[in-house]
Amino acid sequence: MSRFTAVALAITLAIGLGGCATSTDGANSPSAQVTPTPDPALIPPAINDTLKVVNNASFDDGFGDFIFKVGDGPSWCTITPEGNEVICEQNEAAASYLPIPVPADCEGSYGYQIRLWGSKPETGNTAEFVCSTGQWQDPANAQVLPSGSKITAGVFTCYVKDTAARCENGAGQFIALGPKVWALQN
């Protein structure tokens, strides 16, 4: 191999591998990433009296939780009145919204499970994403809550609009989740 070819190969290799280097200025760190803003037009509006009320007994899992699939969508929610929380979740592959930056202390999946507490917890927010390492509930046997219907259990009321769910606590704080949108309000 000629000296010119060897030098050209070395320069090409250095430039090519240089593009794989990671930034050390923090620009690519999760804490520096901006959380995308959900499209307000896709967030289900506040719960109202025109929604069809369902009997929550048909959504009871036999252990005090109320689980429902979200209309024809890939999401599901679990209301746990005794635990004072509701969690909506979906498989990562189902989400078409921009990824949510993963906190440095989360080693699991992030941005696909969202929790609403019935009241402000001692630490954290009333509405927040959950760092998860697996599914909270298996929705395989859950009943479908159809679009335009609402369920109430404890201090929570949830309803479905198309393929997204919105759940509110007694104070009006809410979460929403579907394949195209997420939202939370503390």
C-alpha atoms as a PDB file:
ATOM      1  CA  MET A   1       0.000   0.000   0.000  1.00  0.00           C
ATOM      2  CA  SER A   2       1.413   3.405  -0.916  1.00  0.00           C
ATOM      3  CA  ARG A   3       2.044   6.048   1.699  1.00  0.00           C
ATOM      4  CA  PHE A   4      -0.545   8.331   0.047  1.00  0.00           C
ATOM      5  CA  THR A   5      -3.227   5.596   0.175  1.00  0.00           C
ATOM      6  CA  ALA A   6      -2.439   4.838   3.817  1.00  0.00           C
ATOM      7  CA  VAL A   7      -2.670   8.534   4.792  1.00  0.00           C
ATOM      8  CA  ALA A   8      -5.928   8.978   2.832  1.00  0.00           C
ATOM      9  CA  LEU A   9      -7.392   5.864   4.481  1.00  0.00           C
ATOM     10  CA  ALA A  10      -6.346   7.095   7.945  1.00  0.00           C
ATOM     11  CA  ILE A  11      -7.916  10.536   7.372  1.00  0.00           C
ATOM     12  CA  THR A  12     -11.139   8.996   6.029  1.00  0.00           C
ATOM     13  CA  LEU A  13     -11.317   6.659   9.012  1.00  0.00           C
ATOM     14  CA  ALA A  14     -10.667   9.489  11.494  1.00  0.00           C
ATOM     15  CA  ILE A  15     -13.368  11.683   9.950  1.00  0.00           C
ATOM     16  CA  GLY A  16     -15.840   8.795   9.803  1.00  0.00           C
ATOM     17  CA  LEU A  17     -15.281   7.752  13.402  1.00  0.00           C
ATOM     18  CA  GLY A  18     -15.275  11.383  14.544  1.00  0.00           C
ATOM     19  CA  GLY A  19     -18.923  11.581  13.553  1.00  0.00           C
ATOM     20  CA  CYS A  20     -19.670   8.812  16.089  1.00  0.00           C
ATOM     21  CA  ALA A  21     -18.168  10.718  19.019  1.00  0.00           C
ATOM     22  CA  THR A  22     -20.502  11.818  21.769  1.00  0.00           C
ATOM     23  CA  SER A  23     -20.861  15.350  22.985  1.00  0.00           C
ATOM     24  CA  THR A  24     -19.353  16.203  26.344  1.00  0.00           C
ATOM     25  CA  ASP A  25     -20.986  19.625  26.658  1.00  0.00           C
ATOM     26  CA  GLY A  26     -24.268  18.208  27.982  1.00  0.00           C
ATOM     27  CA  ALA A  27     -26.210  19.065  24.828  1.00  0.00           C
ATOM     28  CA  ASN A  28     -27.287  15.458  24.373  1.00  0.00           C
ATOM     29  CA  SER A  29     -27.913  14.651  28.026  1.00  0.00           C
ATOM     30  CA  PRO A  30     -31.522  13.884  29.004  1.00  0.00           C
ATOM     31  CA  SER A  31     -31.638  16.843  31.381  1.00  0.00           C
ATOM     32  CA  ALA A  32     -30.759  19.180  28.495  1.00  0.00           C
ATOM     33  CA  GLN A  33     -33.440  17.764  26.200  1.00  0.00           C
ATOM     34  CA  VAL A  34     -36.652  19.718  25.951  1.00  0.00           C
ATOM     35  CA  THR A  35     -39.905  17.925  26.713  1.00  0.00           C
ATOM     36  CA  PRO A  36     -42.110  18.195  23.627  1.00  0.00           C
ATOM     37  CA  THR A  37     -45.396  20.048  23.960  1.00  0.00           C
ATOM     38  CA  PRO A  38     -48.488  17.982  23.133  1.00  0.00           C
ATOM     39  CA  ASP A  39     -50.836  19.324  20.465  1.00  0.00           C
ATOM     40  CA  PRO A  40     -53.731  20.897  22.448  1.00  0.00           C
ATOM     41  CA  ALA A  41     -56.182  19.915  19.695  1.00  0.00           C
ATOM     42  CA  LEU A  42     -55.477  16.223  20.413  1.00  0.00           C
ATOM     43  CA  ILE A  43     -55.941  16.443  24.201  1.00  0.00           C
ATOM     44  CA  PRO A  44     -59.427  15.268  25.208  1.00  0.00           C
ATOM     45  CA  PRO A  45     -61.301  18.253  26.701  1.00  0.00           C
ATOM     46  CA  ALA A  46     -62.519  18.436  30.295  1.00  0.00           C
ATOM     47  CA  ILE A  47     -65.057  15.854  31.410  1.00  0.00           C
ATOM     48  CA  ASN A  48     -68.670  16.962  30.958  1.00  0.00           C
ATOM     49  CA  ASP A  49     -72.195  15.766  31.719  1.00  0.00           C
ATOM     50  CA  THR A  50     -72.992  14.700  28.141  1.00  0.00           C
ATOM     51  CA  LEU A  51     -70.740  11.635  28.385  1.00  0.00           C
ATOM     52  CA  LYS A  52     -72.389   8.252  28.840  1.00  0.00           C
ATOM     53  CA  VAL A  53     -71.892   6.921  32.389  1.00  0.00           C
ATOM     54  CA  VAL A  54     -70.922   3.243  32.629  1.00  0.00           C
ATOM     55  CA  ASN A  55     -71.383   0.895  35.564  1.00  0.00           C
ATOM     56  CA  ASN A  56     -67.890   0.564  36.994  1.00  0.00           C
ATOM     57  CA  ALA A  57     -68.640  -2.952  38.351  1.00  0.00           C
ATOM     58  CA  SER A  58     -68.041  -4.425  34.885  1.00  0.00           C
ATOM     59  CA  PHE A  59     -64.493  -2.970  34.942  1.00  0.00           C
ATOM     60  CA  ASP A  60     -63.601  -4.286  38.435  1.00  0.00           C
ATOM     61  CA  ASP A  61     -60.702  -6.760  38.276  1.00  0.00           C
ATOM     62  CA  GLY A  62     -61.812  -8.496  41.483  1.00  0.00           C
ATOM     63  CA  PHE A  63     -59.010  -6.933  43.529  1.00  0.00           C
ATOM     64  CA  GLY A  64     -60.444  -3.420  43.888  1.00  0.00           C
ATOM     65  CA  ASP A  65     -58.896  -1.978  40.725  1.00  0.00           C
ATOM     66  CA  PHE A  66     -60.883  -0.834  37.707  1.00  0.00           C
ATOM     67  CA  ILE A  67     -59.152  -1.543  34.386  1.00  0.00           C
ATOM     68  CA  PHE A  68     -60.312  -0.475  30.953  1.00  0.00           C
ATOM     69  CA  LYS A  69     -58.999  -0.511  27.418  1.00  0.00           C
ATOM     70  CA  VAL A  70     -59.191   2.878  25.744  1.00  0.00           C
ATOM     71  CA  GLY A  71     -61.753   2.616  22.934  1.00  0.00           C
ATOM     72  CA  ASP A  72     -60.238   1.127  19.792  1.00  0.00           C
ATOM     73  CA  GLY A  73     -56.758   2.310  20.772  1.00  0.00           C
ATOM     74  CA  PRO A  74     -53.693   0.571  22.178  1.00  0.00           C
ATOM     75  CA  SER A  75     -53.832   2.229  25.617  1.00  0.00           C
ATOM     76  CA  TRP A  76     -55.378   1.114  28.892  1.00  0.00           C
ATOM     77  CA  CYS A  77     -55.908   2.642  32.317  1.00  0.00           C
ATOM     78  CA  THR A  78     -56.077   1.263  35.844  1.00  0.00           C
ATOM     79  CA  ILE A  79     -57.938   3.142  38.555  1.00  0.00           C
ATOM     80  CA  THR A  80     -56.846   2.105  42.045  1.00  0.00           C
ATOM     81  CA  PRO A  81     -59.104   3.912  44.548  1.00  0.00           C
ATOM     82  CA  GLU A  82     -57.431   2.286  47.595  1.00  0.00           C
ATOM     83  CA  GLY A  83     -54.005   3.354  46.322  1.00  0.00           C
ATOM     84  CA  ASN A  84     -55.340   6.811  45.470  1.00  0.00           C
ATOM     85  CA  GLU A  85     -54.016   6.685  41.903  1.00  0.00           C
ATOM     86  CA  VAL A  86     -54.849   6.077  38.282  1.00  0.00           C
ATOM     87  CA  ILE A  87     -52.247   4.968  35.739  1.00  0.00           C
ATOM     88  CA  CYS A  88     -52.695   5.015  31.985  1.00  0.00           C
ATOM     89  CA  GLU A  89     -50.180   3.199  29.826  1.00  0.00           C
ATOM     90  CA  GLN A  90     -49.397   1.823  26.401  1.00  0.00           C
ATOM     91  CA  ASN A  91     -46.727  -0.127  24.596  1.00  0.00           C
ATOM     92  CA  GLU A  92     -43.828   2.039  23.413  1.00  0.00           C
ATOM     93  CA  ALA A  93     -44.351   0.932  19.812  1.00  0.00           C
ATOM     94  CA  ALA A  94     -47.898   2.336  19.878  1.00  0.00           C
ATOM     95  CA  ALA A  95     -46.818   5.906  20.613  1.00  0.00           C
ATOM     96  CA  SER A  96     -46.513   8.233  17.637  1.00  0.00           C
ATOM     97  CA  TYR A  97     -45.837  11.399  19.677  1.00  0.00           C
ATOM     98  CA  LEU A  98     -42.295  12.700  20.128  1.00  0.00           C
ATOM     99  CA  PRO A  99     -40.303  10.826  22.787  1.00  0.00           C
ATOM    100  CA  ILE A 100     -40.265  12.223  26.314  1.00  0.00           C
ATOM    101  CA  PRO A 101     -36.711  12.817  27.608  1.00  0.00           C
ATOM    102  CA  VAL A 102     -35.719  10.104  30.069  1.00  0.00           C
ATOM    103  CA  PRO A 103     -34.525  11.330  33.480  1.00  0.00           C
ATOM    104  CA  ALA A 104     -30.987  10.342  34.437  1.00  0.00           C
ATOM    105  CA  ASP A 105     -32.255   8.195  37.335  1.00  0.00           C
ATOM    106  CA  CYS A 106     -34.604   6.127  35.129  1.00  0.00           C
ATOM    107  CA  GLU A 107     -33.194   2.877  33.784  1.00  0.00           C
ATOM    108  CA  GLY A 108     -36.514   1.652  32.394  1.00  0.00           C
ATOM    109  CA  SER A 109     -39.058   2.777  29.869  1.00  0.00           C
ATOM    110  CA  TYR A 110     -40.237   6.376  30.109  1.00  0.00           C
ATOM    111  CA  GLY A 111     -43.011   8.362  28.482  1.00  0.00           C
ATOM    112  CA  TYR A 112     -45.516   5.526  28.066  1.00  0.00           C
ATOM    113  CA  GLN A 113     -47.003   5.327  31.570  1.00  0.00           C
ATOM    114  CA  ILE A 114     -48.537   8.357  33.208  1.00  0.00           C
ATOM    115  CA  ARG A 115     -49.913   8.563  36.761  1.00  0.00           C
ATOM    116  CA  LEU A 116     -52.421  10.812  38.497  1.00  0.00           C
ATOM    117  CA  TRP A 117     -52.677  10.873  42.272  1.00  0.00           C
ATOM    118  CA  GLY A 118     -55.948  11.676  44.017  1.00  0.00           C
ATOM    119  CA  SER A 119     -54.151  14.359  46.018  1.00  0.00           C
ATOM    120  CA  LYS A 120     -50.662  15.862  46.117  1.00  0.00           C
ATOM    121  CA  PRO A 121     -48.121  13.249  47.277  1.00  0.00           C
ATOM    122  CA  GLU A 122     -45.364  14.090  49.780  1.00  0.00           C
ATOM    123  CA  THR A 123     -42.806  14.061  46.964  1.00  0.00           C
ATOM    124  CA  GLY A 124     -43.227  14.518  43.241  1.00  0.00           C
ATOM    125  CA  ASN A 125     -46.143  15.917  41.298  1.00  0.00           C
ATOM    126  CA  THR A 126     -49.817  15.022  41.315  1.00  0.00           C
ATOM    127  CA  ALA A 127     -49.629  14.166  37.588  1.00  0.00           C
ATOM    128  CA  GLU A 128     -46.395  12.678  36.268  1.00  0.00           C
ATOM    129  CA  PHE A 129     -44.726  10.188  33.960  1.00  0.00           C
ATOM    130  CA  VAL A 130     -43.598   6.938  35.545  1.00  0.00           C
ATOM    131  CA  CYS A 131     -40.215   5.270  35.088  1.00  0.00           C
ATOM    132  CA  SER A 132     -41.222   1.682  34.486  1.00  0.00           C
ATOM    133  CA  THR A 133     -39.449  -1.603  34.101  1.00  0.00           C
ATOM    134  CA  GLY A 134     -42.545  -3.552  33.069  1.00  0.00           C
ATOM    135  CA  GLN A 135     -46.302  -3.401  32.716  1.00  0.00           C
ATOM    136  CA  TRP A 136     -48.364  -2.413  35.725  1.00  0.00           C
ATOM    137  CA  GLN A 137     -51.418  -4.331  34.621  1.00  0.00           C
ATOM    138  CA  ASP A 138     -52.245  -6.887  31.971  1.00  0.00           C
ATOM    139  CA  PRO A 139     -55.121  -5.446  29.945  1.00  0.00           C
ATOM    140  CA  ALA A 140     -55.797  -8.694  28.054  1.00  0.00           C
ATOM    141  CA  ASN A 141     -59.090  -9.351  29.858  1.00  0.00           C
ATOM    142  CA  ALA A 142     -60.082  -5.722  30.420  1.00  0.00           C
ATOM    143  CA  GLN A 143     -63.359  -4.399  29.079  1.00  0.00           C
ATOM    144  CA  VAL A 144     -63.313  -1.638  26.468  1.00  0.00           C
ATOM    145  CA  LEU A 145     -64.504   1.768  27.584  1.00  0.00           C
ATOM    146  CA  PRO A 146     -65.986   3.095  24.352  1.00  0.00           C
ATOM    147  CA  SER A 147     -65.415   6.594  23.039  1.00  0.00           C
ATOM    148  CA  GLY A 148     -67.849   9.047  24.620  1.00  0.00           C
ATOM    149  CA  SER A 149     -68.175   7.006  27.850  1.00  0.00           C
ATOM    150  CA  LYS A 150     -66.919   7.743  31.348  1.00  0.00           C
ATOM    151  CA  ILE A 151     -66.216   5.689  34.446  1.00  0.00           C
ATOM    152  CA  THR A 152     -65.939   6.914  38.033  1.00  0.00           C
ATOM    153  CA  ALA A 153     -64.174   5.098  40.878  1.00  0.00           C
ATOM    154  CA  GLY A 154     -63.136   6.795  44.104  1.00  0.00           C
ATOM    155  CA  VAL A 155     -62.095  10.390  43.395  1.00  0.00           C
ATOM    156  CA  PHE A 156     -61.293   9.636  39.745  1.00  0.00           C
ATOM    157  CA  THR A 157     -63.348   9.981  36.604  1.00  0.00           C
ATOM    158  CA  CYS A 158     -61.960   8.827  33.273  1.00  0.00           C
ATOM    159  CA  TYR A 159     -63.405   9.002  29.800  1.00  0.00           C
ATOM    160  CA  VAL A 160     -62.427   8.059  26.287  1.00  0.00           C
ATOM    161  CA  LYS A 161     -62.383  10.275  23.224  1.00  0.00           C
ATOM    162  CA  ASP A 162     -61.521   8.262  20.113  1.00  0.00           C
ATOM    163  CA  THR A 163     -58.260   6.475  21.074  1.00  0.00           C
ATOM    164  CA  ALA A 164     -57.196   8.686  24.005  1.00  0.00           C
ATOM    165  CA  ALA A 165     -58.230   8.612  27.667  1.00  0.00           C
ATOM    166  CA  ARG A 166     -58.477  11.539  30.048  1.00  0.00           C
ATOM    167  CA  CYS A 167     -58.612  10.953  33.802  1.00  0.00           C
ATOM    168  CA  GLU A 168     -59.301  13.647  36.381  1.00  0.00           C
ATOM    169  CA  ASN A 169     -59.116  13.697  40.159  1.00  0.00           C
ATOM    170  CA  GLY A 170     -61.534  15.574  42.429  1.00  0.00           C
ATOM    171  CA  ALA A 171     -59.403  18.745  42.240  1.00  0.00           C
ATOM    172  CA  GLY A 172     -59.572  18.840  38.414  1.00  0.00           C
ATOM    173  CA  GLN A 173     -55.970  17.828  37.838  1.00  0.00           C
ATOM    174  CA  PHE A 174     -55.668  15.408  34.939  1.00  0.00           C
ATOM    175  CA  ILE A 175     -53.665  13.086  32.752  1.00  0.00           C
ATOM    176  CA  ALA A 176     -54.379  12.065  29.169  1.00  0.00           C
ATOM    177  CA  LEU A 177     -52.821   9.328  27.075  1.00  0.00           C
ATOM    178  CA  GLY A 178     -53.308   7.888  23.629  1.00  0.00           C
ATOM    179  CA  PRO A 179     -51.107   6.879  20.718  1.00  0.00           C
ATOM    180  CA  LYS A 180     -50.982  10.432  19.342  1.00  0.00           C
ATOM    181  CA  VAL A 181     -51.020  12.511  22.519  1.00  0.00           C
ATOM    182  CA  TRP A 182     -50.186  12.726  26.201  1.00  0.00           C
ATOM    183  CA  ALA A 183     -50.966  15.515  28.648  1.00  0.00           C
ATOM    184  CA  LEU A 184     -50.775  16.247  32.333  1.00  0.00           C
ATOM    185  CA  GLN A 185     -51.910  19.105  34.513  1.00  0.00           C
ATOM    186  CA  ASN A 186     -50.809  19.539  38.103  1.00  0.00           C
END
